[in-house]
Amino acid sequence: MTDLLGHEIPKPRKSASHGEAGYVRAERDAYFTEPWVTRALLKALEPDLRQRAQTIWEPACGDGRMAKEIADAGYSLLASDIHDYGYPYTRIWDFLGERPPGPLSVVITNPPFDLAREFIGRALNITESLEGIVAILQRHEFDAPRSNRFLFASPFSQKLILPRRPRWADGEKASPRFPYAWYVWDWLHDGPPTIGWLD
């Protein structure tokens, strides 16, 4: 298909993360997280984070919306991304390909959808020796596919479902299509995982 000037029009790539809407997918899955989503998680995990988080690493910080909430809550923060989206405290870092810049016990992020499993594995590897915590934002059915089942053995600790659906584009008018949840792995967790609903 071509436009009026005869240029080839790229076919819209349907986003696995954001539904079969037919819009062109954001480069690098750059869908930034509304601030309330991070605040809900920090409130739920506050006792553990206050005791155990020397520094929280947000390794896919994008334009800094999640990182800012973490810093504003009083935590020491390392914000990094593979690309500079304008957040002034971003450290350009390949989370999957480079060594961690130091011992980090907590990783909180909304990773690129197609790399979620790799981000989880990397984060668990980084936090294991420090008996840390990993929290990853994903669609609520992320734990359903058989291919993801291996991720939900120990130290997976809890699934925290958001009270409403996040919006992924500024000025978006249509109702968001999918509910989301935080998935949490805790190297000190003992017992079966739990499910909860965030305020």
N, C-alpha and C. Protein backbone atom coordinates (compact mmCIF):
# COMPACT_ATOMS: atom_id res chain seq x y z
N MET A 1 0.85 -1.18 0.00
CA MET A 1 0.00 0.00 0.00
C MET A 1 0.89 1.23 0.00
N THR A 2 0.50 2.26 -0.79
CA THR A 2 1.30 3.49 -0.89
C THR A 2 0.44 4.69 -0.52
N ASP A 3 1.13 5.81 -0.16
CA ASP A 3 0.41 7.04 0.11
C ASP A 3 0.21 7.81 -1.19
N LEU A 4 -0.30 9.03 -1.10
CA LEU A 4 -0.60 9.82 -2.30
C LEU A 4 0.64 10.17 -3.10
N LEU A 5 1.82 10.15 -2.48
CA LEU A 5 3.06 10.46 -3.17
C LEU A 5 3.77 9.22 -3.66
N GLY A 6 3.15 8.05 -3.49
CA GLY A 6 3.74 6.82 -3.96
C GLY A 6 4.70 6.16 -3.00
N HIS A 7 4.81 6.68 -1.76
CA HIS A 7 5.69 6.08 -0.77
C HIS A 7 5.01 4.89 -0.12
N GLU A 8 5.81 3.87 0.15
CA GLU A 8 5.29 2.67 0.81
C GLU A 8 4.85 3.01 2.23
N ILE A 9 3.66 2.60 2.61
CA ILE A 9 3.15 2.81 3.96
C ILE A 9 3.43 1.55 4.77
N PRO A 10 4.19 1.67 5.87
CA PRO A 10 4.45 0.47 6.67
C PRO A 10 3.17 -0.05 7.29
N LYS A 11 3.05 -1.37 7.33
CA LYS A 11 1.88 -1.97 7.97
C LYS A 11 1.95 -1.73 9.47
N PRO A 12 0.83 -1.36 10.09
CA PRO A 12 0.84 -1.20 11.54
C PRO A 12 1.25 -2.49 12.21
N ARG A 13 2.12 -2.37 13.20
CA ARG A 13 2.53 -3.54 13.96
C ARG A 13 1.69 -3.62 15.20
N LYS A 14 0.99 -4.71 15.38
CA LYS A 14 0.10 -4.83 16.51
C LYS A 14 0.89 -5.15 17.76
N SER A 15 0.55 -4.45 18.82
CA SER A 15 1.29 -4.59 20.06
C SER A 15 0.76 -5.73 20.89
N ALA A 16 1.63 -6.68 21.21
CA ALA A 16 1.23 -7.77 22.10
C ALA A 16 0.90 -7.24 23.49
N SER A 17 1.55 -6.14 23.86
CA SER A 17 1.36 -5.59 25.19
C SER A 17 0.08 -4.78 25.30
N HIS A 18 -0.29 -4.11 24.25
CA HIS A 18 -1.36 -3.13 24.36
C HIS A 18 -2.56 -3.46 23.50
N GLY A 19 -2.67 -4.72 23.11
CA GLY A 19 -3.87 -5.17 22.45
C GLY A 19 -3.77 -5.13 20.94
N GLU A 20 -4.72 -5.77 20.28
CA GLU A 20 -4.75 -5.82 18.82
C GLU A 20 -5.45 -4.58 18.30
N ALA A 21 -4.90 -3.42 18.60
CA ALA A 21 -5.55 -2.17 18.23
C ALA A 21 -5.19 -1.72 16.83
N GLY A 22 -4.11 -2.24 16.26
CA GLY A 22 -3.74 -1.90 14.90
C GLY A 22 -2.91 -0.64 14.78
N TYR A 23 -2.51 -0.01 15.90
CA TYR A 23 -1.68 1.17 15.78
C TYR A 23 -0.22 0.78 15.70
N VAL A 24 0.60 1.71 15.19
CA VAL A 24 2.02 1.44 15.07
C VAL A 24 2.63 1.38 16.45
N ARG A 25 3.38 0.36 16.70
CA ARG A 25 3.96 0.13 18.02
C ARG A 25 5.07 1.14 18.30
N ALA A 26 5.13 1.63 19.53
CA ALA A 26 6.16 2.59 19.91
C ALA A 26 7.54 1.95 19.82
N GLU A 27 8.48 2.71 19.31
CA GLU A 27 9.84 2.20 19.19
C GLU A 27 10.37 1.82 20.56
N ARG A 28 11.04 0.65 20.63
CA ARG A 28 11.59 0.09 21.87
C ARG A 28 10.51 -0.15 22.93
N ASP A 29 9.25 -0.29 22.52
CA ASP A 29 8.15 -0.45 23.48
C ASP A 29 8.15 0.65 24.53
N ALA A 30 8.33 1.88 24.08
CA ALA A 30 8.44 3.02 25.00
C ALA A 30 7.05 3.49 25.42
N TYR A 31 6.44 2.73 26.31
CA TYR A 31 5.16 3.09 26.91
C TYR A 31 5.42 3.41 28.37
N PHE A 32 5.22 4.67 28.75
CA PHE A 32 5.65 5.12 30.05
C PHE A 32 4.53 4.99 31.08
N THR A 33 4.92 4.70 32.31
CA THR A 33 4.00 4.28 33.36
C THR A 33 3.42 5.46 34.11
N GLU A 34 2.10 5.49 34.23
CA GLU A 34 1.46 6.56 34.99
C GLU A 34 1.96 6.54 36.44
N PRO A 35 2.16 7.71 37.05
CA PRO A 35 2.73 7.77 38.41
C PRO A 35 1.97 6.97 39.46
N TRP A 36 0.64 6.94 39.40
CA TRP A 36 -0.13 6.25 40.44
C TRP A 36 0.18 4.76 40.50
N VAL A 37 0.59 4.19 39.36
CA VAL A 37 0.90 2.76 39.31
C VAL A 37 2.10 2.44 40.21
N THR A 38 3.10 3.29 40.16
CA THR A 38 4.29 3.11 41.00
C THR A 38 3.99 3.41 42.46
N ARG A 39 3.23 4.45 42.70
CA ARG A 39 2.89 4.80 44.09
C ARG A 39 2.14 3.65 44.77
N ALA A 40 1.25 2.99 44.05
CA ALA A 40 0.49 1.87 44.63
C ALA A 40 1.44 0.74 45.04
N LEU A 41 2.42 0.45 44.19
CA LEU A 41 3.39 -0.61 44.53
C LEU A 41 4.23 -0.22 45.74
N LEU A 42 4.76 0.99 45.73
CA LEU A 42 5.63 1.41 46.84
C LEU A 42 4.89 1.38 48.17
N LYS A 43 3.63 1.74 48.16
CA LYS A 43 2.83 1.68 49.40
C LYS A 43 2.69 0.24 49.88
N ALA A 44 2.44 -0.68 48.94
CA ALA A 44 2.24 -2.09 49.31
C ALA A 44 3.51 -2.74 49.83
N LEU A 45 4.66 -2.35 49.27
CA LEU A 45 5.93 -2.97 49.65
C LEU A 45 6.72 -2.16 50.66
N GLU A 46 6.14 -1.08 51.16
CA GLU A 46 6.91 -0.13 51.96
C GLU A 46 7.68 -0.74 53.12
N PRO A 47 7.08 -1.58 53.95
CA PRO A 47 7.86 -2.09 55.09
C PRO A 47 9.13 -2.82 54.66
N ASP A 48 9.02 -3.69 53.66
CA ASP A 48 10.20 -4.43 53.19
C ASP A 48 11.20 -3.52 52.51
N LEU A 49 10.71 -2.59 51.70
CA LEU A 49 11.64 -1.70 50.99
C LEU A 49 12.41 -0.81 51.96
N ARG A 50 11.74 -0.32 52.98
CA ARG A 50 12.42 0.56 53.94
C ARG A 50 13.53 -0.19 54.68
N GLN A 51 13.31 -1.46 54.93
CA GLN A 51 14.31 -2.25 55.67
C GLN A 51 15.45 -2.73 54.79
N ARG A 52 15.14 -3.00 53.50
CA ARG A 52 16.10 -3.76 52.70
C ARG A 52 16.65 -3.05 51.47
N ALA A 53 16.08 -1.92 51.08
CA ALA A 53 16.50 -1.27 49.84
C ALA A 53 17.52 -0.18 50.11
N GLN A 54 18.79 -0.49 49.91
CA GLN A 54 19.79 0.56 49.97
C GLN A 54 19.66 1.47 48.76
N THR A 55 19.52 0.87 47.59
CA THR A 55 19.26 1.60 46.35
C THR A 55 18.30 0.78 45.50
N ILE A 56 17.31 1.44 44.91
CA ILE A 56 16.39 0.79 43.99
C ILE A 56 16.84 1.10 42.56
N TRP A 57 16.95 0.05 41.76
CA TRP A 57 17.35 0.21 40.36
C TRP A 57 16.10 0.15 39.49
N GLU A 58 15.90 1.21 38.70
CA GLU A 58 14.87 1.23 37.67
C GLU A 58 15.59 1.18 36.32
N PRO A 59 15.72 -0.02 35.71
CA PRO A 59 16.61 -0.17 34.57
C PRO A 59 15.97 0.07 33.20
N ALA A 60 14.69 0.45 33.17
CA ALA A 60 14.04 0.83 31.92
C ALA A 60 13.26 2.12 32.19
N CYS A 61 13.99 3.15 32.63
CA CYS A 61 13.35 4.31 33.25
C CYS A 61 12.62 5.22 32.26
N GLY A 62 12.89 5.09 30.96
CA GLY A 62 12.17 5.91 30.00
C GLY A 62 12.26 7.39 30.30
N ASP A 63 11.11 8.05 30.37
CA ASP A 63 11.11 9.49 30.65
C ASP A 63 11.09 9.80 32.14
N GLY A 64 11.26 8.78 32.97
CA GLY A 64 11.46 8.99 34.40
C GLY A 64 10.22 9.01 35.26
N ARG A 65 9.08 8.65 34.73
CA ARG A 65 7.85 8.74 35.53
C ARG A 65 7.88 7.80 36.73
N MET A 66 8.36 6.59 36.53
CA MET A 66 8.46 5.64 37.64
C MET A 66 9.62 6.02 38.55
N ALA A 67 10.74 6.37 37.96
CA ALA A 67 11.92 6.74 38.74
C ALA A 67 11.64 7.91 39.66
N LYS A 68 10.93 8.90 39.16
CA LYS A 68 10.61 10.09 39.97
C LYS A 68 9.78 9.72 41.19
N GLU A 69 8.81 8.81 41.03
CA GLU A 69 8.00 8.39 42.17
C GLU A 69 8.85 7.67 43.22
N ILE A 70 9.79 6.86 42.77
CA ILE A 70 10.68 6.16 43.70
C ILE A 70 11.54 7.15 44.47
N ALA A 71 12.12 8.11 43.76
CA ALA A 71 12.95 9.12 44.41
C ALA A 71 12.13 9.99 45.34
N ASP A 72 10.94 10.39 44.90
CA ASP A 72 10.08 11.25 45.73
C ASP A 72 9.63 10.55 47.00
N ALA A 73 9.61 9.22 46.98
CA ALA A 73 9.24 8.46 48.19
C ALA A 73 10.41 8.34 49.16
N GLY A 74 11.57 8.88 48.79
CA GLY A 74 12.70 8.93 49.70
C GLY A 74 13.73 7.84 49.54
N TYR A 75 13.61 7.04 48.47
CA TYR A 75 14.57 5.96 48.25
C TYR A 75 15.76 6.45 47.43
N SER A 76 16.92 5.88 47.70
CA SER A 76 18.06 6.08 46.83
C SER A 76 17.77 5.38 45.51
N LEU A 77 18.09 6.03 44.39
CA LEU A 77 17.64 5.55 43.09
C LEU A 77 18.78 5.48 42.09
N LEU A 78 18.81 4.40 41.33
CA LEU A 78 19.62 4.33 40.12
C LEU A 78 18.64 4.19 38.96
N ALA A 79 18.59 5.19 38.10
CA ALA A 79 17.71 5.18 36.93
C ALA A 79 18.56 5.00 35.69
N SER A 80 18.25 3.97 34.92
CA SER A 80 19.02 3.72 33.71
C SER A 80 18.09 3.29 32.57
N ASP A 81 18.60 3.38 31.37
CA ASP A 81 17.88 2.92 30.19
C ASP A 81 18.89 2.75 29.08
N ILE A 82 18.51 1.98 28.07
CA ILE A 82 19.39 1.78 26.92
C ILE A 82 19.35 2.99 25.99
N HIS A 83 18.36 3.87 26.20
CA HIS A 83 18.17 5.04 25.35
C HIS A 83 17.82 6.23 26.23
N ASP A 84 18.18 7.43 25.83
CA ASP A 84 17.87 8.64 26.57
C ASP A 84 16.52 9.18 26.13
N TYR A 85 15.53 9.12 27.02
CA TYR A 85 14.21 9.66 26.74
C TYR A 85 13.98 11.01 27.41
N GLY A 86 15.03 11.60 27.94
CA GLY A 86 14.92 12.95 28.48
C GLY A 86 14.92 13.07 29.98
N TYR A 87 14.85 11.97 30.71
CA TYR A 87 14.92 12.07 32.17
C TYR A 87 16.35 12.46 32.54
N PRO A 88 16.53 13.58 33.26
CA PRO A 88 17.89 14.12 33.44
C PRO A 88 18.84 13.25 34.24
N TYR A 89 18.32 12.28 34.99
CA TYR A 89 19.19 11.45 35.84
C TYR A 89 19.42 10.06 35.23
N THR A 90 19.09 9.91 33.96
CA THR A 90 19.25 8.60 33.31
C THR A 90 20.72 8.27 33.09
N ARG A 91 21.07 7.06 33.48
CA ARG A 91 22.38 6.51 33.14
C ARG A 91 22.17 5.56 31.96
N ILE A 92 22.85 5.80 30.86
CA ILE A 92 22.69 4.93 29.69
C ILE A 92 23.37 3.60 29.98
N TRP A 93 22.54 2.55 30.02
CA TRP A 93 23.02 1.26 30.48
C TRP A 93 22.20 0.15 29.84
N ASP A 94 22.88 -0.86 29.35
CA ASP A 94 22.20 -2.03 28.79
C ASP A 94 22.00 -3.04 29.91
N PHE A 95 20.80 -3.07 30.46
CA PHE A 95 20.51 -3.91 31.62
C PHE A 95 20.77 -5.38 31.33
N LEU A 96 20.48 -5.82 30.12
CA LEU A 96 20.64 -7.23 29.78
C LEU A 96 22.05 -7.58 29.34
N GLY A 97 22.83 -6.59 28.94
CA GLY A 97 24.13 -6.90 28.36
C GLY A 97 25.34 -6.46 29.13
N GLU A 98 25.15 -5.58 30.12
CA GLU A 98 26.29 -5.06 30.87
C GLU A 98 26.23 -5.52 32.33
N ARG A 99 27.40 -5.56 32.96
CA ARG A 99 27.45 -5.89 34.38
C ARG A 99 26.75 -4.82 35.20
N PRO A 100 26.12 -5.19 36.31
CA PRO A 100 25.50 -4.17 37.16
C PRO A 100 26.55 -3.19 37.67
N PRO A 101 26.19 -1.94 37.85
CA PRO A 101 27.15 -0.93 38.29
C PRO A 101 27.46 -0.99 39.78
N GLY A 102 27.09 -2.06 40.44
CA GLY A 102 27.34 -2.21 41.87
C GLY A 102 26.33 -3.17 42.45
N PRO A 103 26.46 -3.50 43.75
CA PRO A 103 25.48 -4.39 44.39
C PRO A 103 24.14 -3.68 44.55
N LEU A 104 23.10 -4.27 44.01
CA LEU A 104 21.77 -3.66 44.06
C LEU A 104 20.77 -4.72 44.48
N SER A 105 20.01 -4.44 45.53
CA SER A 105 19.14 -5.46 46.11
C SER A 105 17.70 -5.37 45.65
N VAL A 106 17.32 -4.27 44.99
CA VAL A 106 15.92 -4.11 44.57
C VAL A 106 15.88 -3.60 43.12
N VAL A 107 15.10 -4.28 42.29
CA VAL A 107 14.86 -3.85 40.91
C VAL A 107 13.35 -3.69 40.74
N ILE A 108 12.93 -2.49 40.32
CA ILE A 108 11.52 -2.19 40.05
C ILE A 108 11.45 -1.58 38.66
N THR A 109 10.63 -2.18 37.77
CA THR A 109 10.58 -1.63 36.42
C THR A 109 9.37 -2.13 35.64
N ASN A 110 9.08 -1.42 34.57
CA ASN A 110 8.13 -1.83 33.54
C ASN A 110 8.96 -2.07 32.28
N PRO A 111 9.39 -3.31 32.04
CA PRO A 111 10.33 -3.56 30.95
C PRO A 111 9.64 -3.55 29.59
N PRO A 112 10.41 -3.47 28.50
CA PRO A 112 9.82 -3.67 27.18
C PRO A 112 9.10 -5.03 27.16
N PHE A 113 7.89 -5.04 26.63
CA PHE A 113 7.04 -6.22 26.73
C PHE A 113 7.72 -7.48 26.21
N ASP A 114 8.35 -7.38 25.06
CA ASP A 114 8.96 -8.57 24.45
C ASP A 114 10.20 -9.06 25.20
N LEU A 115 10.69 -8.26 26.14
CA LEU A 115 11.89 -8.64 26.90
C LEU A 115 11.59 -8.90 28.37
N ALA A 116 10.32 -9.04 28.71
CA ALA A 116 9.95 -9.18 30.12
C ALA A 116 10.63 -10.37 30.77
N ARG A 117 10.63 -11.53 30.13
CA ARG A 117 11.23 -12.72 30.74
C ARG A 117 12.73 -12.53 30.94
N GLU A 118 13.38 -11.92 29.96
CA GLU A 118 14.83 -11.67 30.10
C GLU A 118 15.11 -10.69 31.23
N PHE A 119 14.29 -9.66 31.36
CA PHE A 119 14.48 -8.69 32.44
C PHE A 119 14.29 -9.36 33.80
N ILE A 120 13.29 -10.22 33.91
CA ILE A 120 13.05 -10.90 35.19
C ILE A 120 14.24 -11.78 35.54
N GLY A 121 14.70 -12.58 34.59
CA GLY A 121 15.84 -13.45 34.86
C GLY A 121 17.08 -12.68 35.26
N ARG A 122 17.33 -11.59 34.56
CA ARG A 122 18.51 -10.76 34.88
C ARG A 122 18.37 -10.14 36.26
N ALA A 123 17.19 -9.62 36.56
CA ALA A 123 16.97 -8.98 37.86
C ALA A 123 17.10 -9.99 39.01
N LEU A 124 16.60 -11.19 38.82
CA LEU A 124 16.72 -12.21 39.86
C LEU A 124 18.19 -12.60 40.07
N ASN A 125 18.92 -12.68 38.99
CA ASN A 125 20.35 -12.99 39.10
C ASN A 125 21.10 -11.92 39.87
N ILE A 126 20.75 -10.67 39.60
CA ILE A 126 21.42 -9.53 40.25
C ILE A 126 21.10 -9.46 41.74
N THR A 127 19.87 -9.77 42.11
CA THR A 127 19.42 -9.56 43.50
C THR A 127 19.58 -10.79 44.39
N GLU A 128 19.89 -11.94 43.83
CA GLU A 128 19.90 -13.18 44.62
C GLU A 128 20.90 -13.13 45.77
N SER A 129 22.12 -12.72 45.50
CA SER A 129 23.15 -12.76 46.55
C SER A 129 22.85 -11.80 47.69
N LEU A 130 22.04 -10.79 47.43
CA LEU A 130 21.67 -9.82 48.47
C LEU A 130 20.29 -10.10 49.05
N GLU A 131 19.70 -11.24 48.66
CA GLU A 131 18.37 -11.62 49.14
C GLU A 131 17.38 -10.47 48.95
N GLY A 132 17.35 -9.98 47.71
CA GLY A 132 16.59 -8.78 47.40
C GLY A 132 15.20 -9.03 46.85
N ILE A 133 14.67 -8.00 46.20
CA ILE A 133 13.29 -7.96 45.72
C ILE A 133 13.28 -7.50 44.26
N VAL A 134 12.42 -8.12 43.46
CA VAL A 134 12.21 -7.72 42.07
C VAL A 134 10.72 -7.50 41.87
N ALA A 135 10.35 -6.36 41.31
CA ALA A 135 8.94 -6.08 40.99
C ALA A 135 8.83 -5.66 39.53
N ILE A 136 8.03 -6.37 38.77
CA ILE A 136 7.89 -6.16 37.34
C ILE A 136 6.42 -5.92 37.01
N LEU A 137 6.13 -4.88 36.26
CA LEU A 137 4.77 -4.57 35.83
C LEU A 137 4.47 -5.29 34.52
N GLN A 138 3.35 -6.05 34.51
CA GLN A 138 2.94 -6.78 33.31
C GLN A 138 1.42 -6.89 33.27
N ARG A 139 0.90 -7.27 32.11
CA ARG A 139 -0.52 -7.53 32.02
C ARG A 139 -0.91 -8.63 33.00
N HIS A 140 -2.15 -8.56 33.49
CA HIS A 140 -2.55 -9.43 34.60
C HIS A 140 -2.51 -10.91 34.25
N GLU A 141 -2.53 -11.27 32.97
CA GLU A 141 -2.51 -12.69 32.62
C GLU A 141 -1.10 -13.19 32.30
N PHE A 142 -0.09 -12.41 32.65
CA PHE A 142 1.30 -12.78 32.36
C PHE A 142 1.67 -14.14 32.97
N ASP A 143 1.04 -14.49 34.07
CA ASP A 143 1.35 -15.76 34.73
C ASP A 143 0.57 -16.94 34.14
N ALA A 144 -0.28 -16.70 33.14
CA ALA A 144 -1.12 -17.78 32.61
C ALA A 144 -0.42 -18.69 31.60
N PRO A 145 0.36 -18.18 30.64
CA PRO A 145 0.92 -19.08 29.62
C PRO A 145 1.86 -20.13 30.21
N ARG A 146 1.78 -21.32 29.66
CA ARG A 146 2.66 -22.40 30.09
C ARG A 146 4.13 -22.01 29.93
N SER A 147 4.43 -21.24 28.88
CA SER A 147 5.82 -20.85 28.61
C SER A 147 6.39 -19.93 29.67
N ASN A 148 5.53 -19.31 30.48
CA ASN A 148 6.01 -18.43 31.55
C ASN A 148 6.01 -19.10 32.92
N ARG A 149 5.53 -20.33 32.97
CA ARG A 149 5.32 -20.99 34.26
C ARG A 149 6.60 -21.09 35.09
N PHE A 150 7.74 -21.28 34.42
CA PHE A 150 9.00 -21.43 35.15
C PHE A 150 9.36 -20.19 35.96
N LEU A 151 8.82 -19.04 35.58
CA LEU A 151 9.13 -17.80 36.29
C LEU A 151 8.47 -17.74 37.66
N PHE A 152 7.47 -18.56 37.88
CA PHE A 152 6.64 -18.42 39.07
C PHE A 152 6.90 -19.48 40.13
N ALA A 153 8.07 -20.09 40.06
CA ALA A 153 8.56 -20.91 41.16
C ALA A 153 9.21 -19.96 42.18
N SER A 154 9.67 -20.50 43.29
CA SER A 154 10.38 -19.69 44.27
C SER A 154 11.56 -19.00 43.59
N PRO A 155 11.77 -17.72 43.85
CA PRO A 155 11.27 -16.89 44.95
C PRO A 155 10.06 -16.01 44.61
N PHE A 156 9.25 -16.40 43.62
CA PHE A 156 8.05 -15.60 43.34
C PHE A 156 7.20 -15.52 44.60
N SER A 157 6.79 -14.29 44.95
CA SER A 157 6.11 -14.11 46.25
C SER A 157 4.68 -13.60 46.15
N GLN A 158 4.40 -12.69 45.19
CA GLN A 158 3.04 -12.17 45.15
C GLN A 158 2.71 -11.49 43.82
N LYS A 159 1.42 -11.52 43.54
CA LYS A 159 0.86 -10.79 42.41
C LYS A 159 -0.05 -9.72 43.00
N LEU A 160 0.17 -8.46 42.60
CA LEU A 160 -0.58 -7.34 43.13
C LEU A 160 -1.33 -6.67 41.97
N ILE A 161 -2.65 -6.82 41.94
CA ILE A 161 -3.45 -6.37 40.81
C ILE A 161 -3.81 -4.89 41.00
N LEU A 162 -3.63 -4.13 39.93
CA LEU A 162 -3.95 -2.70 39.99
C LEU A 162 -5.46 -2.48 40.02
N PRO A 163 -5.93 -1.43 40.70
CA PRO A 163 -7.36 -1.21 40.85
C PRO A 163 -8.03 -0.68 39.59
N ARG A 164 -7.26 -0.12 38.67
CA ARG A 164 -7.81 0.31 37.39
C ARG A 164 -6.76 0.13 36.30
N ARG A 165 -7.17 0.29 35.07
CA ARG A 165 -6.28 0.01 33.94
C ARG A 165 -5.43 1.23 33.61
N PRO A 166 -4.12 1.05 33.50
CA PRO A 166 -3.25 2.18 33.16
C PRO A 166 -3.47 2.64 31.71
N ARG A 167 -3.20 3.92 31.49
CA ARG A 167 -3.18 4.47 30.14
C ARG A 167 -1.73 4.58 29.70
N TRP A 168 -1.48 4.32 28.42
CA TRP A 168 -0.11 4.23 27.93
C TRP A 168 0.27 5.35 26.97
N ALA A 169 -0.65 6.29 26.73
CA ALA A 169 -0.34 7.41 25.85
C ALA A 169 -0.94 8.67 26.46
N ASP A 170 -0.17 9.75 26.46
CA ASP A 170 -0.68 11.02 26.97
C ASP A 170 -1.86 11.48 26.12
N GLY A 171 -2.91 11.92 26.77
CA GLY A 171 -4.07 12.41 26.06
C GLY A 171 -4.95 11.33 25.48
N GLU A 172 -4.69 10.09 25.84
CA GLU A 172 -5.48 8.97 25.32
C GLU A 172 -6.92 9.09 25.79
N LYS A 173 -7.87 8.99 24.86
CA LYS A 173 -9.28 9.17 25.18
C LYS A 173 -10.00 7.85 25.42
N ALA A 174 -9.66 6.84 24.63
CA ALA A 174 -10.37 5.56 24.74
C ALA A 174 -10.06 4.88 26.06
N SER A 175 -10.98 4.05 26.49
CA SER A 175 -10.76 3.30 27.73
C SER A 175 -9.64 2.29 27.52
N PRO A 176 -8.70 2.18 28.47
CA PRO A 176 -7.64 1.17 28.36
C PRO A 176 -8.24 -0.23 28.28
N ARG A 177 -7.59 -1.11 27.52
CA ARG A 177 -8.19 -2.41 27.24
C ARG A 177 -7.86 -3.48 28.27
N PHE A 178 -6.70 -3.39 28.93
CA PHE A 178 -6.25 -4.52 29.73
C PHE A 178 -5.92 -4.12 31.16
N PRO A 179 -6.30 -4.96 32.13
CA PRO A 179 -5.81 -4.76 33.50
C PRO A 179 -4.36 -5.22 33.61
N TYR A 180 -3.67 -4.63 34.57
CA TYR A 180 -2.26 -4.94 34.80
C TYR A 180 -2.05 -5.31 36.26
N ALA A 181 -0.89 -5.90 36.52
CA ALA A 181 -0.52 -6.28 37.88
C ALA A 181 0.98 -6.14 38.05
N TRP A 182 1.38 -5.94 39.29
CA TRP A 182 2.79 -6.04 39.66
C TRP A 182 3.07 -7.48 40.05
N TYR A 183 4.13 -8.04 39.52
CA TYR A 183 4.61 -9.37 39.90
C TYR A 183 5.88 -9.18 40.73
N VAL A 184 5.90 -9.82 41.89
CA VAL A 184 6.98 -9.57 42.86
C VAL A 184 7.69 -10.88 43.20
N TRP A 185 9.01 -10.84 43.13
CA TRP A 185 9.87 -11.94 43.56
C TRP A 185 10.68 -11.45 44.75
N ASP A 186 10.74 -12.25 45.80
CA ASP A 186 11.41 -11.85 47.04
C ASP A 186 12.26 -13.03 47.51
N TRP A 187 13.57 -12.84 47.53
CA TRP A 187 14.47 -13.93 47.88
C TRP A 187 14.35 -14.35 49.34
N LEU A 188 13.65 -13.57 50.16
CA LEU A 188 13.42 -13.96 51.56
C LEU A 188 12.02 -14.53 51.77
N HIS A 189 11.23 -14.62 50.71
CA HIS A 189 9.86 -15.11 50.86
C HIS A 189 9.87 -16.60 51.21
N ASP A 190 8.99 -16.96 52.14
CA ASP A 190 8.86 -18.36 52.56
C ASP A 190 7.38 -18.75 52.42
N GLY A 191 7.11 -19.83 51.73
CA GLY A 191 5.73 -20.27 51.58
C GLY A 191 5.22 -20.02 50.19
N PRO A 192 3.95 -20.36 49.95
CA PRO A 192 3.37 -20.19 48.62
C PRO A 192 3.17 -18.70 48.31
N PRO A 193 3.11 -18.35 47.01
CA PRO A 193 2.84 -16.95 46.65
C PRO A 193 1.42 -16.56 47.00
N THR A 194 1.19 -15.27 47.09
CA THR A 194 -0.12 -14.74 47.41
C THR A 194 -0.59 -13.82 46.28
N ILE A 195 -1.87 -13.52 46.31
CA ILE A 195 -2.44 -12.57 45.37
C ILE A 195 -3.13 -11.48 46.15
N GLY A 196 -3.01 -10.24 45.68
CA GLY A 196 -3.62 -9.13 46.38
C GLY A 196 -4.09 -8.08 45.40
N TRP A 197 -4.86 -7.13 45.92
CA TRP A 197 -5.40 -6.04 45.10
C TRP A 197 -4.93 -4.72 45.71
N LEU A 198 -4.35 -3.88 44.88
CA LEU A 198 -3.79 -2.62 45.36
C LEU A 198 -4.86 -1.56 45.50
N ASP A 199 -4.65 -0.64 46.44
CA ASP A 199 -5.54 0.52 46.60
C ASP A 199 -5.25 1.52 45.49
